[in-house]
Amino acid sequence: MVIKEKTDSVSLTPAACQAVRDLLVERKLEGYSLRVYVSGRTCAGLQYGMALDNNPRETDLTFDTDGVSVLIDDQSILFMHGATIDFIDDARGKGFLVNNPNQVSACGSCESTGCESC
């Protein structure tokens, strides 16, 4: 059974919601959701992945934000509480940006050597 609930754990900005809606219309993907997941960890912290998905899993947390359905797997949500997903188009580039207040450097060598590059 897919867990469906309204959550404040992860939120999407209006710009992110509009970008997802635009992608769904452009690609003619009616009934699809935005899947967000933690895909790994680097020196800079967590890496995130996103996909358009119409196959929710039994262990997914699902919620709707401004007409956009979002899926997050049960392991990724553990690292994403309080995160905000935004869509930017500025000097940094164009795309989705995850602002996660729990993000910390994952570089073990920086902790032991005190390097400044991380």
PDB file of N, CA and C in Angstrom:
ATOM      1  N   MET A   1       0.837  -1.183   0.000  1.00  0.00           N
ATOM      2  CA  MET A   1       0.000   0.000   0.000  1.00  0.00           C
ATOM      3  C   MET A   1       0.877   1.240   0.000  1.00  0.00           C
ATOM      4  N   VAL A   2       0.637   2.188  -0.883  1.00  0.00           N
ATOM      5  CA  VAL A   2       1.379   3.429  -0.965  1.00  0.00           C
ATOM      6  C   VAL A   2       0.886   4.352   0.140  1.00  0.00           C
ATOM      7  N   ILE A   3       1.823   4.941   0.861  1.00  0.00           N
ATOM      8  CA  ILE A   3       1.474   5.869   1.930  1.00  0.00           C
ATOM      9  C   ILE A   3       1.189   7.224   1.300  1.00  0.00           C
ATOM     10  N   LYS A   4      -0.030   7.708   1.441  1.00  0.00           N
ATOM     11  CA  LYS A   4      -0.400   8.994   0.866  1.00  0.00           C
ATOM     12  C   LYS A   4      -0.744   9.934   1.990  1.00  0.00           C
ATOM     13  N   GLU A   5      -0.035  11.020   2.063  1.00  0.00           N
ATOM     14  CA  GLU A   5      -0.297  11.980   3.114  1.00  0.00           C
ATOM     15  C   GLU A   5       0.182  13.353   2.703  1.00  0.00           C
ATOM     16  N   LYS A   6      -0.346  14.337   3.356  1.00  0.00           N
ATOM     17  CA  LYS A   6       0.133  15.701   3.201  1.00  0.00           C
ATOM     18  C   LYS A   6       1.301  15.841   4.144  1.00  0.00           C
ATOM     19  N   THR A   7       2.396  16.370   3.674  1.00  0.00           N
ATOM     20  CA  THR A   7       3.565  16.459   4.536  1.00  0.00           C
ATOM     21  C   THR A   7       4.235  17.811   4.413  1.00  0.00           C
ATOM     22  N   ASP A   8       4.801  18.247   5.516  1.00  0.00           N
ATOM     23  CA  ASP A   8       5.628  19.441   5.512  1.00  0.00           C
ATOM     24  C   ASP A   8       7.101  19.046   5.470  1.00  0.00           C
ATOM     25  N   SER A   9       7.362  17.743   5.386  1.00  0.00           N
ATOM     26  CA  SER A   9       8.740  17.254   5.391  1.00  0.00           C
ATOM     27  C   SER A   9       9.525  17.769   4.202  1.00  0.00           C
ATOM     28  N   VAL A  10       8.927  17.759   3.034  1.00  0.00           N
ATOM     29  CA  VAL A  10       9.569  18.236   1.809  1.00  0.00           C
ATOM     30  C   VAL A  10       8.560  19.139   1.117  1.00  0.00           C
ATOM     31  N   SER A  11       9.028  20.269   0.621  1.00  0.00           N
ATOM     32  CA  SER A  11       8.111  21.175  -0.064  1.00  0.00           C
ATOM     33  C   SER A  11       8.681  21.574  -1.421  1.00  0.00           C
ATOM     34  N   LEU A  12       7.802  21.981  -2.305  1.00  0.00           N
ATOM     35  CA  LEU A  12       8.175  22.491  -3.617  1.00  0.00           C
ATOM     36  C   LEU A  12       7.772  23.949  -3.689  1.00  0.00           C
ATOM     37  N   THR A  13       8.637  24.767  -4.247  1.00  0.00           N
ATOM     38  CA  THR A  13       8.293  26.167  -4.448  1.00  0.00           C
ATOM     39  C   THR A  13       7.311  26.259  -5.612  1.00  0.00           C
ATOM     40  N   PRO A  14       6.611  27.391  -5.736  1.00  0.00           N
ATOM     41  CA  PRO A  14       5.733  27.565  -6.896  1.00  0.00           C
ATOM     42  C   PRO A  14       6.481  27.420  -8.228  1.00  0.00           C
ATOM     43  N   ALA A  15       7.732  27.886  -8.283  1.00  0.00           N
ATOM     44  CA  ALA A  15       8.516  27.756  -9.520  1.00  0.00           C
ATOM     45  C   ALA A  15       8.789  26.294  -9.849  1.00  0.00           C
ATOM     46  N   ALA A  16       9.076  25.478  -8.843  1.00  0.00           N
ATOM     47  CA  ALA A  16       9.320  24.053  -9.063  1.00  0.00           C
ATOM     48  C   ALA A  16       8.047  23.362  -9.523  1.00  0.00           C
ATOM     49  N   CYS A  17       6.935  23.695  -8.893  1.00  0.00           N
ATOM     50  CA  CYS A  17       5.652  23.094  -9.305  1.00  0.00           C
ATOM     51  C   CYS A  17       5.344  23.422 -10.757  1.00  0.00           C
ATOM     52  N   GLN A  18       5.551  24.681 -11.138  1.00  0.00           N
ATOM     53  CA  GLN A  18       5.275  25.083 -12.519  1.00  0.00           C
ATOM     54  C   GLN A  18       6.198  24.362 -13.492  1.00  0.00           C
ATOM     55  N   ALA A  19       7.467  24.210 -13.131  1.00  0.00           N
ATOM     56  CA  ALA A  19       8.420  23.509 -14.008  1.00  0.00           C
ATOM     57  C   ALA A  19       8.011  22.054 -14.210  1.00  0.00           C
ATOM     58  N   VAL A  20       7.553  21.399 -13.145  1.00  0.00           N
ATOM     59  CA  VAL A  20       7.102  20.005 -13.260  1.00  0.00           C
ATOM     60  C   VAL A  20       5.857  19.933 -14.132  1.00  0.00           C
ATOM     61  N   ARG A  21       4.903  20.821 -13.891  1.00  0.00           N
ATOM     62  CA  ARG A  21       3.679  20.825 -14.718  1.00  0.00           C
ATOM     63  C   ARG A  21       4.023  21.047 -16.185  1.00  0.00           C
ATOM     64  N   ASP A  22       4.949  21.962 -16.466  1.00  0.00           N
ATOM     65  CA  ASP A  22       5.366  22.226 -17.848  1.00  0.00           C
ATOM     66  C   ASP A  22       5.993  20.985 -18.480  1.00  0.00           C
ATOM     67  N   LEU A  23       6.849  20.285 -17.732  1.00  0.00           N
ATOM     68  CA  LEU A  23       7.467  19.056 -18.253  1.00  0.00           C
ATOM     69  C   LEU A  23       6.424  17.986 -18.556  1.00  0.00           C
ATOM     70  N   LEU A  24       5.461  17.838 -17.662  1.00  0.00           N
ATOM     71  CA  LEU A  24       4.428  16.820 -17.863  1.00  0.00           C
ATOM     72  C   LEU A  24       3.593  17.110 -19.106  1.00  0.00           C
ATOM     73  N   VAL A  25       3.262  18.376 -19.322  1.00  0.00           N
ATOM     74  CA  VAL A  25       2.492  18.747 -20.508  1.00  0.00           C
ATOM     75  C   VAL A  25       3.342  18.572 -21.761  1.00  0.00           C
ATOM     76  N   GLU A  26       4.590  19.062 -21.718  1.00  0.00           N
ATOM     77  CA  GLU A  26       5.493  18.978 -22.868  1.00  0.00           C
ATOM     78  C   GLU A  26       5.725  17.535 -23.314  1.00  0.00           C
ATOM     79  N   ARG A  27       5.833  16.641 -22.351  1.00  0.00           N
ATOM     80  CA  ARG A  27       6.115  15.234 -22.655  1.00  0.00           C
ATOM     81  C   ARG A  27       4.856  14.371 -22.710  1.00  0.00           C
ATOM     82  N   LYS A  28       3.710  15.009 -22.539  1.00  0.00           N
ATOM     83  CA  LYS A  28       2.407  14.318 -22.597  1.00  0.00           C
ATOM     84  C   LYS A  28       2.357  13.138 -21.619  1.00  0.00           C
ATOM     85  N   LEU A  29       2.692  13.422 -20.366  1.00  0.00           N
ATOM     86  CA  LEU A  29       2.763  12.389 -19.332  1.00  0.00           C
ATOM     87  C   LEU A  29       1.661  12.594 -18.292  1.00  0.00           C
ATOM     88  N   GLU A  30       0.455  12.415 -18.699  1.00  0.00           N
ATOM     89  CA  GLU A  30      -0.678  12.553 -17.783  1.00  0.00           C
ATOM     90  C   GLU A  30      -0.633  11.443 -16.731  1.00  0.00           C
ATOM     91  N   GLY A  31      -0.862  11.807 -15.476  1.00  0.00           N
ATOM     92  CA  GLY A  31      -0.891  10.829 -14.404  1.00  0.00           C
ATOM     93  C   GLY A  31       0.476  10.505 -13.814  1.00  0.00           C
ATOM     94  N   TYR A  32       1.515  11.207 -14.242  1.00  0.00           N
ATOM     95  CA  TYR A  32       2.853  10.975 -13.704  1.00  0.00           C
ATOM     96  C   TYR A  32       3.111  11.851 -12.480  1.00  0.00           C
ATOM     97  N   SER A  33       4.073  11.425 -11.678  1.00  0.00           N
ATOM     98  CA  SER A  33       4.488  12.147 -10.481  1.00  0.00           C
ATOM     99  C   SER A  33       5.959  12.509 -10.606  1.00  0.00           C
ATOM    100  N   LEU A  34       6.391  13.439  -9.765  1.00  0.00           N
ATOM    101  CA  LEU A  34       7.808  13.748  -9.644  1.00  0.00           C
ATOM    102  C   LEU A  34       8.384  12.843  -8.567  1.00  0.00           C
ATOM    103  N   ARG A  35       9.321  11.987  -8.940  1.00  0.00           N
ATOM    104  CA  ARG A  35      10.027  11.148  -7.963  1.00  0.00           C
ATOM    105  C   ARG A  35      11.310  11.871  -7.584  1.00  0.00           C
ATOM    106  N   VAL A  36      11.531  12.023  -6.274  1.00  0.00           N
ATOM    107  CA  VAL A  36      12.732  12.655  -5.747  1.00  0.00           C
ATOM    108  C   VAL A  36      13.418  11.640  -4.848  1.00  0.00           C
ATOM    109  N   TYR A  37      14.737  11.512  -4.984  1.00  0.00           N
ATOM    110  CA  TYR A  37      15.444  10.520  -4.179  1.00  0.00           C
ATOM    111  C   TYR A  37      16.884  10.961  -3.921  1.00  0.00           C
ATOM    112  N   VAL A  38      17.461  10.424  -2.872  1.00  0.00           N
ATOM    113  CA  VAL A  38      18.880  10.626  -2.586  1.00  0.00           C
ATOM    114  C   VAL A  38      19.619   9.581  -3.407  1.00  0.00           C
ATOM    115  N   SER A  39      20.531  10.044  -4.273  1.00  0.00           N
ATOM    116  CA  SER A  39      21.220   9.121  -5.176  1.00  0.00           C
ATOM    117  C   SER A  39      22.653   8.817  -4.753  1.00  0.00           C
ATOM    118  N   GLY A  40      23.134   9.514  -3.759  1.00  0.00           N
ATOM    119  CA  GLY A  40      24.500   9.259  -3.305  1.00  0.00           C
ATOM    120  C   GLY A  40      24.993  10.372  -2.418  1.00  0.00           C
ATOM    121  N   ARG A  41      26.272  10.298  -2.127  1.00  0.00           N
ATOM    122  CA  ARG A  41      26.903  11.284  -1.246  1.00  0.00           C
ATOM    123  C   ARG A  41      28.274  11.611  -1.816  1.00  0.00           C
ATOM    124  N   THR A  42      28.608  12.900  -1.819  1.00  0.00           N
ATOM    125  CA  THR A  42      29.913  13.347  -2.289  1.00  0.00           C
ATOM    126  C   THR A  42      30.561  14.183  -1.196  1.00  0.00           C
ATOM    127  N   CYS A  43      31.716  14.722  -1.499  1.00  0.00           N
ATOM    128  CA  CYS A  43      32.416  15.590  -0.555  1.00  0.00           C
ATOM    129  C   CYS A  43      31.537  16.789  -0.177  1.00  0.00           C
ATOM    130  N   ALA A  44      30.716  17.241  -1.110  1.00  0.00           N
ATOM    131  CA  ALA A  44      29.855  18.394  -0.866  1.00  0.00           C
ATOM    132  C   ALA A  44      28.567  18.030  -0.134  1.00  0.00           C
ATOM    133  N   GLY A  45      28.272  16.762   0.018  1.00  0.00           N
ATOM    134  CA  GLY A  45      27.059  16.337   0.720  1.00  0.00           C
ATOM    135  C   GLY A  45      26.232  15.389  -0.126  1.00  0.00           C
ATOM    136  N   LEU A  46      24.936  15.424   0.105  1.00  0.00           N
ATOM    137  CA  LEU A  46      24.030  14.510  -0.583  1.00  0.00           C
ATOM    138  C   LEU A  46      23.839  14.897  -2.041  1.00  0.00           C
ATOM    139  N   GLN A  47      23.676  13.890  -2.885  1.00  0.00           N
ATOM    140  CA  GLN A  47      23.293  14.093  -4.271  1.00  0.00           C
ATOM    141  C   GLN A  47      21.849  13.641  -4.404  1.00  0.00           C
ATOM    142  N   TYR A  48      21.100  14.324  -5.253  1.00  0.00           N
ATOM    143  CA  TYR A  48      19.685  14.010  -5.433  1.00  0.00           C
ATOM    144  C   TYR A  48      19.407  13.621  -6.871  1.00  0.00           C
ATOM    145  N   GLY A  49      18.422  12.790  -7.058  1.00  0.00           N
ATOM    146  CA  GLY A  49      17.949  12.435  -8.376  1.00  0.00           C
ATOM    147  C   GLY A  49      16.468  12.749  -8.465  1.00  0.00           C
ATOM    148  N   MET A  50      16.014  12.992  -9.670  1.00  0.00           N
ATOM    149  CA  MET A  50      14.596  13.250  -9.919  1.00  0.00           C
ATOM    150  C   MET A  50      14.207  12.579 -11.219  1.00  0.00           C
ATOM    151  N   ALA A  51      12.978  12.116 -11.267  1.00  0.00           N
ATOM    152  CA  ALA A  51      12.459  11.482 -12.472  1.00  0.00           C
ATOM    153  C   ALA A  51      10.948  11.669 -12.511  1.00  0.00           C
ATOM    154  N   LEU A  52      10.396  11.566 -13.693  1.00  0.00           N
ATOM    155  CA  LEU A  52       8.939  11.548 -13.847  1.00  0.00           C
ATOM    156  C   LEU A  52       8.529  10.087 -13.846  1.00  0.00           C
ATOM    157  N   ASP A  53       7.607   9.727 -12.962  1.00  0.00           N
ATOM    158  CA  ASP A  53       7.329   8.315 -12.680  1.00  0.00           C
ATOM    159  C   ASP A  53       5.824   8.108 -12.555  1.00  0.00           C
ATOM    160  N   ASN A  54       5.337   7.016 -13.110  1.00  0.00           N
ATOM    161  CA  ASN A  54       3.915   6.674 -12.947  1.00  0.00           C
ATOM    162  C   ASN A  54       3.745   5.308 -12.277  1.00  0.00           C
ATOM    163  N   ASN A  55       4.763   4.899 -11.524  1.00  0.00           N
ATOM    164  CA  ASN A  55       4.731   3.591 -10.891  1.00  0.00           C
ATOM    165  C   ASN A  55       5.114   3.697  -9.409  1.00  0.00           C
ATOM    166  N   PRO A  56       4.206   4.216  -8.571  1.00  0.00           N
ATOM    167  CA  PRO A  56       4.535   4.319  -7.147  1.00  0.00           C
ATOM    168  C   PRO A  56       4.761   2.953  -6.524  1.00  0.00           C
ATOM    169  N   ARG A  57       5.704   2.920  -5.597  1.00  0.00           N
ATOM    170  CA  ARG A  57       6.025   1.678  -4.887  1.00  0.00           C
ATOM    171  C   ARG A  57       5.272   1.637  -3.567  1.00  0.00           C
ATOM    172  N   GLU A  58       5.141   0.445  -3.018  1.00  0.00           N
ATOM    173  CA  GLU A  58       4.407   0.275  -1.765  1.00  0.00           C
ATOM    174  C   GLU A  58       4.980   1.106  -0.628  1.00  0.00           C
ATOM    175  N   THR A  59       6.277   1.323  -0.627  1.00  0.00           N
ATOM    176  CA  THR A  59       6.915   2.024   0.484  1.00  0.00           C
ATOM    177  C   THR A  59       7.123   3.512   0.225  1.00  0.00           C
ATOM    178  N   ASP A  60       6.593   4.042  -0.881  1.00  0.00           N
ATOM    179  CA  ASP A  60       6.741   5.468  -1.186  1.00  0.00           C
ATOM    180  C   ASP A  60       5.860   6.329  -0.299  1.00  0.00           C
ATOM    181  N   LEU A  61       6.387   7.469   0.057  1.00  0.00           N
ATOM    182  CA  LEU A  61       5.583   8.532   0.645  1.00  0.00           C
ATOM    183  C   LEU A  61       5.133   9.371  -0.541  1.00  0.00           C
ATOM    184  N   THR A  62       3.857   9.647  -0.651  1.00  0.00           N
ATOM    185  CA  THR A  62       3.372  10.470  -1.752  1.00  0.00           C
ATOM    186  C   THR A  62       2.590  11.643  -1.187  1.00  0.00           C
ATOM    187  N   PHE A  63       2.704  12.777  -1.854  1.00  0.00           N
ATOM    188  CA  PHE A  63       1.917  13.944  -1.457  1.00  0.00           C
ATOM    189  C   PHE A  63       1.739  14.842  -2.663  1.00  0.00           C
ATOM    190  N   ASP A  64       0.769  15.712  -2.586  1.00  0.00           N
ATOM    191  CA  ASP A  64       0.476  16.653  -3.659  1.00  0.00           C
ATOM    192  C   ASP A  64       0.799  18.060  -3.193  1.00  0.00           C
ATOM    193  N   THR A  65       1.434  18.814  -4.070  1.00  0.00           N
ATOM    194  CA  THR A  65       1.735  20.213  -3.812  1.00  0.00           C
ATOM    195  C   THR A  65       1.320  21.017  -5.025  1.00  0.00           C
ATOM    196  N   ASP A  66       0.345  21.865  -4.857  1.00  0.00           N
ATOM    197  CA  ASP A  66      -0.093  22.763  -5.925  1.00  0.00           C
ATOM    198  C   ASP A  66      -0.346  22.009  -7.234  1.00  0.00           C
ATOM    199  N   GLY A  67      -1.003  20.846  -7.121  1.00  0.00           N
ATOM    200  CA  GLY A  67      -1.355  20.066  -8.295  1.00  0.00           C
ATOM    201  C   GLY A  67      -0.265  19.152  -8.812  1.00  0.00           C
ATOM    202  N   VAL A  68       0.865  19.090  -8.128  1.00  0.00           N
ATOM    203  CA  VAL A  68       1.967  18.213  -8.526  1.00  0.00           C
ATOM    204  C   VAL A  68       2.059  17.071  -7.529  1.00  0.00           C
ATOM    205  N   SER A  69       2.011  15.844  -8.024  1.00  0.00           N
ATOM    206  CA  SER A  69       2.168  14.669  -7.182  1.00  0.00           C
ATOM    207  C   SER A  69       3.656  14.371  -7.027  1.00  0.00           C
ATOM    208  N   VAL A  70       4.080  14.112  -5.785  1.00  0.00           N
ATOM    209  CA  VAL A  70       5.492  13.862  -5.486  1.00  0.00           C
ATOM    210  C   VAL A  70       5.623  12.499  -4.822  1.00  0.00           C
ATOM    211  N   LEU A  71       6.635  11.731  -5.235  1.00  0.00           N
ATOM    212  CA  LEU A  71       6.952  10.430  -4.655  1.00  0.00           C
ATOM    213  C   LEU A  71       8.350  10.489  -4.058  1.00  0.00           C
ATOM    214  N   ILE A  72       8.489   9.996  -2.819  1.00  0.00           N
ATOM    215  CA  ILE A  72       9.801   9.895  -2.177  1.00  0.00           C
ATOM    216  C   ILE A  72       9.866   8.532  -1.504  1.00  0.00           C
ATOM    217  N   ASP A  73      10.930   7.789  -1.778  1.00  0.00           N
ATOM    218  CA  ASP A  73      11.039   6.457  -1.182  1.00  0.00           C
ATOM    219  C   ASP A  73      11.315   6.553   0.320  1.00  0.00           C
ATOM    220  N   ASP A  74      11.048   5.475   1.013  1.00  0.00           N
ATOM    221  CA  ASP A  74      11.114   5.464   2.472  1.00  0.00           C
ATOM    222  C   ASP A  74      12.521   5.680   3.025  1.00  0.00           C
ATOM    223  N   GLN A  75      13.562   5.428   2.249  1.00  0.00           N
ATOM    224  CA  GLN A  75      14.929   5.672   2.719  1.00  0.00           C
ATOM    225  C   GLN A  75      15.354   7.120   2.470  1.00  0.00           C
ATOM    226  N   SER A  76      15.011   7.664   1.313  1.00  0.00           N
ATOM    227  CA  SER A  76      15.394   9.040   0.985  1.00  0.00           C
ATOM    228  C   SER A  76      14.739  10.052   1.912  1.00  0.00           C
ATOM    229  N   ILE A  77      13.496   9.793   2.296  1.00  0.00           N
ATOM    230  CA  ILE A  77      12.785  10.757   3.149  1.00  0.00           C
ATOM    231  C   ILE A  77      13.499  10.942   4.481  1.00  0.00           C
ATOM    232  N   LEU A  78      14.230   9.936   4.922  1.00  0.00           N
ATOM    233  CA  LEU A  78      14.962  10.030   6.192  1.00  0.00           C
ATOM    234  C   LEU A  78      16.013  11.139   6.156  1.00  0.00           C
ATOM    235  N   PHE A  79      16.533  11.460   4.978  1.00  0.00           N
ATOM    236  CA  PHE A  79      17.567  12.474   4.825  1.00  0.00           C
ATOM    237  C   PHE A  79      17.026  13.816   4.344  1.00  0.00           C
ATOM    238  N   MET A  80      15.722  13.878   4.054  1.00  0.00           N
ATOM    239  CA  MET A  80      15.185  15.060   3.381  1.00  0.00           C
ATOM    240  C   MET A  80      14.193  15.880   4.199  1.00  0.00           C
ATOM    241  N   HIS A  81      13.987  15.560   5.459  1.00  0.00           N
ATOM    242  CA  HIS A  81      13.027  16.324   6.265  1.00  0.00           C
ATOM    243  C   HIS A  81      13.397  17.801   6.278  1.00  0.00           C
ATOM    244  N   GLY A  82      12.444  18.631   5.913  1.00  0.00           N
ATOM    245  CA  GLY A  82      12.655  20.071   5.903  1.00  0.00           C
ATOM    246  C   GLY A  82      13.218  20.609   4.605  1.00  0.00           C
ATOM    247  N   ALA A  83      13.467  19.747   3.624  1.00  0.00           N
ATOM    248  CA  ALA A  83      14.050  20.187   2.348  1.00  0.00           C
ATOM    249  C   ALA A  83      13.013  20.910   1.499  1.00  0.00           C
ATOM    250  N   THR A  84      13.501  21.853   0.703  1.00  0.00           N
ATOM    251  CA  THR A  84      12.678  22.587  -0.251  1.00  0.00           C
ATOM    252  C   THR A  84      13.270  22.396  -1.631  1.00  0.00           C
ATOM    253  N   ILE A  85      12.420  22.044  -2.583  1.00  0.00           N
ATOM    254  CA  ILE A  85      12.852  21.872  -3.964  1.00  0.00           C
ATOM    255  C   ILE A  85      12.417  23.109  -4.738  1.00  0.00           C
ATOM    256  N   ASP A  86      13.377  23.737  -5.388  1.00  0.00           N
ATOM    257  CA  ASP A  86      13.123  24.955  -6.141  1.00  0.00           C
ATOM    258  C   ASP A  86      13.524  24.725  -7.591  1.00  0.00           C
ATOM    259  N   PHE A  87      13.082  25.600  -8.467  1.00  0.00           N
ATOM    260  CA  PHE A  87      13.531  25.590  -9.859  1.00  0.00           C
ATOM    261  C   PHE A  87      14.164  26.945 -10.111  1.00  0.00           C
ATOM    262  N   ILE A  88      15.406  26.929 -10.592  1.00  0.00           N
ATOM    263  CA  ILE A  88      16.110  28.185 -10.828  1.00  0.00           C
ATOM    264  C   ILE A  88      16.442  28.347 -12.299  1.00  0.00           C
ATOM    265  N   ASP A  89      16.555  29.575 -12.721  1.00  0.00           N
ATOM    266  CA  ASP A  89      17.009  29.931 -14.062  1.00  0.00           C
ATOM    267  C   ASP A  89      17.731  31.261 -13.900  1.00  0.00           C
ATOM    268  N   ASP A  90      18.997  31.169 -13.487  1.00  0.00           N
ATOM    269  CA  ASP A  90      19.776  32.365 -13.199  1.00  0.00           C
ATOM    270  C   ASP A  90      21.250  32.113 -13.490  1.00  0.00           C
ATOM    271  N   ALA A  91      22.141  32.907 -12.917  1.00  0.00           N
ATOM    272  CA  ALA A  91      23.577  32.792 -13.179  1.00  0.00           C
ATOM    273  C   ALA A  91      24.146  31.425 -12.785  1.00  0.00           C
ATOM    274  N   ARG A  92      23.472  30.727 -11.852  1.00  0.00           N
ATOM    275  CA  ARG A  92      23.940  29.396 -11.425  1.00  0.00           C
ATOM    276  C   ARG A  92      23.601  28.326 -12.451  1.00  0.00           C
ATOM    277  N   GLY A  93      22.641  28.608 -13.309  1.00  0.00           N
ATOM    278  CA  GLY A  93      22.193  27.641 -14.309  1.00  0.00           C
ATOM    279  C   GLY A  93      20.684  27.536 -14.303  1.00  0.00           C
ATOM    280  N   LYS A  94      20.197  26.503 -14.954  1.00  0.00           N
ATOM    281  CA  LYS A  94      18.760  26.270 -15.059  1.00  0.00           C
ATOM    282  C   LYS A  94      18.492  24.843 -14.632  1.00  0.00           C
ATOM    283  N   GLY A  95      17.607  24.681 -13.652  1.00  0.00           N
ATOM    284  CA  GLY A  95      17.266  23.342 -13.206  1.00  0.00           C
ATOM    285  C   GLY A  95      16.726  23.337 -11.794  1.00  0.00           C
ATOM    286  N   PHE A  96      16.510  22.146 -11.303  1.00  0.00           N
ATOM    287  CA  PHE A  96      15.977  21.975  -9.955  1.00  0.00           C
ATOM    288  C   PHE A  96      17.111  22.069  -8.941  1.00  0.00           C
ATOM    289  N   LEU A  97      16.805  22.652  -7.805  1.00  0.00           N
ATOM    290  CA  LEU A  97      17.772  22.835  -6.734  1.00  0.00           C
ATOM    291  C   LEU A  97      17.127  22.377  -5.433  1.00  0.00           C
ATOM    292  N   VAL A  98      17.797  21.499  -4.706  1.00  0.00           N
ATOM    293  CA  VAL A  98      17.297  21.016  -3.420  1.00  0.00           C
ATOM    294  C   VAL A  98      18.018  21.773  -2.314  1.00  0.00           C
ATOM    295  N   ASN A  99      17.258  22.493  -1.524  1.00  0.00           N
ATOM    296  CA  ASN A  99      17.796  23.181  -0.348  1.00  0.00           C
ATOM    297  C   ASN A  99      17.447  22.333   0.859  1.00  0.00           C
ATOM    298  N   ASN A 100      18.456  21.689   1.418  1.00  0.00           N
ATOM    299  CA  ASN A 100      18.230  20.757   2.515  1.00  0.00           C
ATOM    300  C   ASN A 100      18.937  21.272   3.768  1.00  0.00           C
ATOM    301  N   PRO A 101      18.174  21.636   4.811  1.00  0.00           N
ATOM    302  CA  PRO A 101      18.806  22.156   6.030  1.00  0.00           C
ATOM    303  C   PRO A 101      19.629  21.109   6.779  1.00  0.00           C
ATOM    304  N   ASN A 102      19.464  19.851   6.445  1.00  0.00           N
ATOM    305  CA  ASN A 102      20.207  18.777   7.099  1.00  0.00           C
ATOM    306  C   ASN A 102      21.518  18.470   6.412  1.00  0.00           C
ATOM    307  N   GLN A 103      21.796  19.131   5.294  1.00  0.00           N
ATOM    308  CA  GLN A 103      22.977  18.844   4.491  1.00  0.00           C
ATOM    309  C   GLN A 103      24.236  19.246   5.248  1.00  0.00           C
ATOM    310  N   VAL A 104      25.144  18.305   5.369  1.00  0.00           N
ATOM    311  CA  VAL A 104      26.458  18.573   5.951  1.00  0.00           C
ATOM    312  C   VAL A 104      27.508  17.951   5.042  1.00  0.00           C
ATOM    313  N   SER A 105      28.727  18.433   5.143  1.00  0.00           N
ATOM    314  CA  SER A 105      29.808  17.878   4.337  1.00  0.00           C
ATOM    315  C   SER A 105      29.957  16.400   4.632  1.00  0.00           C
ATOM    316  N   ALA A 106      30.117  15.610   3.593  1.00  0.00           N
ATOM    317  CA  ALA A 106      30.259  14.167   3.752  1.00  0.00           C
ATOM    318  C   ALA A 106      31.706  13.727   3.603  1.00  0.00           C
ATOM    319  N   CYS A 107      32.610  14.684   3.563  1.00  0.00           N
ATOM    320  CA  CYS A 107      34.007  14.366   3.292  1.00  0.00           C
ATOM    321  C   CYS A 107      34.724  13.988   4.576  1.00  0.00           C
ATOM    322  N   GLY A 108      34.931  12.702   4.775  1.00  0.00           N
ATOM    323  CA  GLY A 108      35.623  12.225   5.964  1.00  0.00           C
ATOM    324  C   GLY A 108      37.055  12.703   6.031  1.00  0.00           C
ATOM    325  N   SER A 109      37.710  12.863   4.866  1.00  0.00           N
ATOM    326  CA  SER A 109      39.103  13.300   4.893  1.00  0.00           C
ATOM    327  C   SER A 109      39.216  14.739   5.356  1.00  0.00           C
ATOM    328  N   CYS A 110      38.195  15.559   5.092  1.00  0.00           N
ATOM    329  CA  CYS A 110      38.244  16.954   5.546  1.00  0.00           C
ATOM    330  C   CYS A 110      38.150  17.018   7.069  1.00  0.00           C
ATOM    331  N   GLU A 111      37.348  16.131   7.629  1.00  0.00           N
ATOM    332  CA  GLU A 111      37.212  16.126   9.080  1.00  0.00           C
ATOM    333  C   GLU A 111      38.525  15.731   9.740  1.00  0.00           C
ATOM    334  N   SER A 112      39.262  14.809   9.122  1.00  0.00           N
ATOM    335  CA  SER A 112      40.490  14.338   9.747  1.00  0.00           C
ATOM    336  C   SER A 112      41.702  15.215   9.419  1.00  0.00           C
ATOM    337  N   THR A 113      41.696  15.840   8.227  1.00  0.00           N
ATOM    338  CA  THR A 113      42.864  16.634   7.830  1.00  0.00           C
ATOM    339  C   THR A 113      42.623  18.129   7.920  1.00  0.00           C
ATOM    340  N   GLY A 114      41.363  18.533   8.047  1.00  0.00           N
ATOM    341  CA  GLY A 114      41.052  19.947   8.152  1.00  0.00           C
ATOM    342  C   GLY A 114      41.162  20.693   6.825  1.00  0.00           C
ATOM    343  N   CYS A 115      41.052  19.968   5.711  1.00  0.00           N
ATOM    344  CA  CYS A 115      41.176  20.624   4.407  1.00  0.00           C
ATOM    345  C   CYS A 115      40.077  21.658   4.207  1.00  0.00           C
ATOM    346  N   GLU A 116      40.353  22.636   3.407  1.00  0.00           N
ATOM    347  CA  GLU A 116      39.399  23.718   3.167  1.00  0.00           C
ATOM    348  C   GLU A 116      38.628  23.523   1.865  1.00  0.00           C
ATOM    349  N   SER A 117      38.942  22.499   1.084  1.00  0.00           N
ATOM    350  CA  SER A 117      38.342  22.346  -0.242  1.00  0.00           C
ATOM    351  C   SER A 117      36.926  21.810  -0.225  1.00  0.00           C
ATOM    352  N   CYS A 118      36.490  21.262   0.871  1.00  0.00           N
ATOM    353  CA  CYS A 118      35.143  20.670   0.906  1.00  0.00           C
ATOM    354  C   CYS A 118      34.091  21.705   1.199  1.00  0.00           C
TER     355      CYS A 118
END
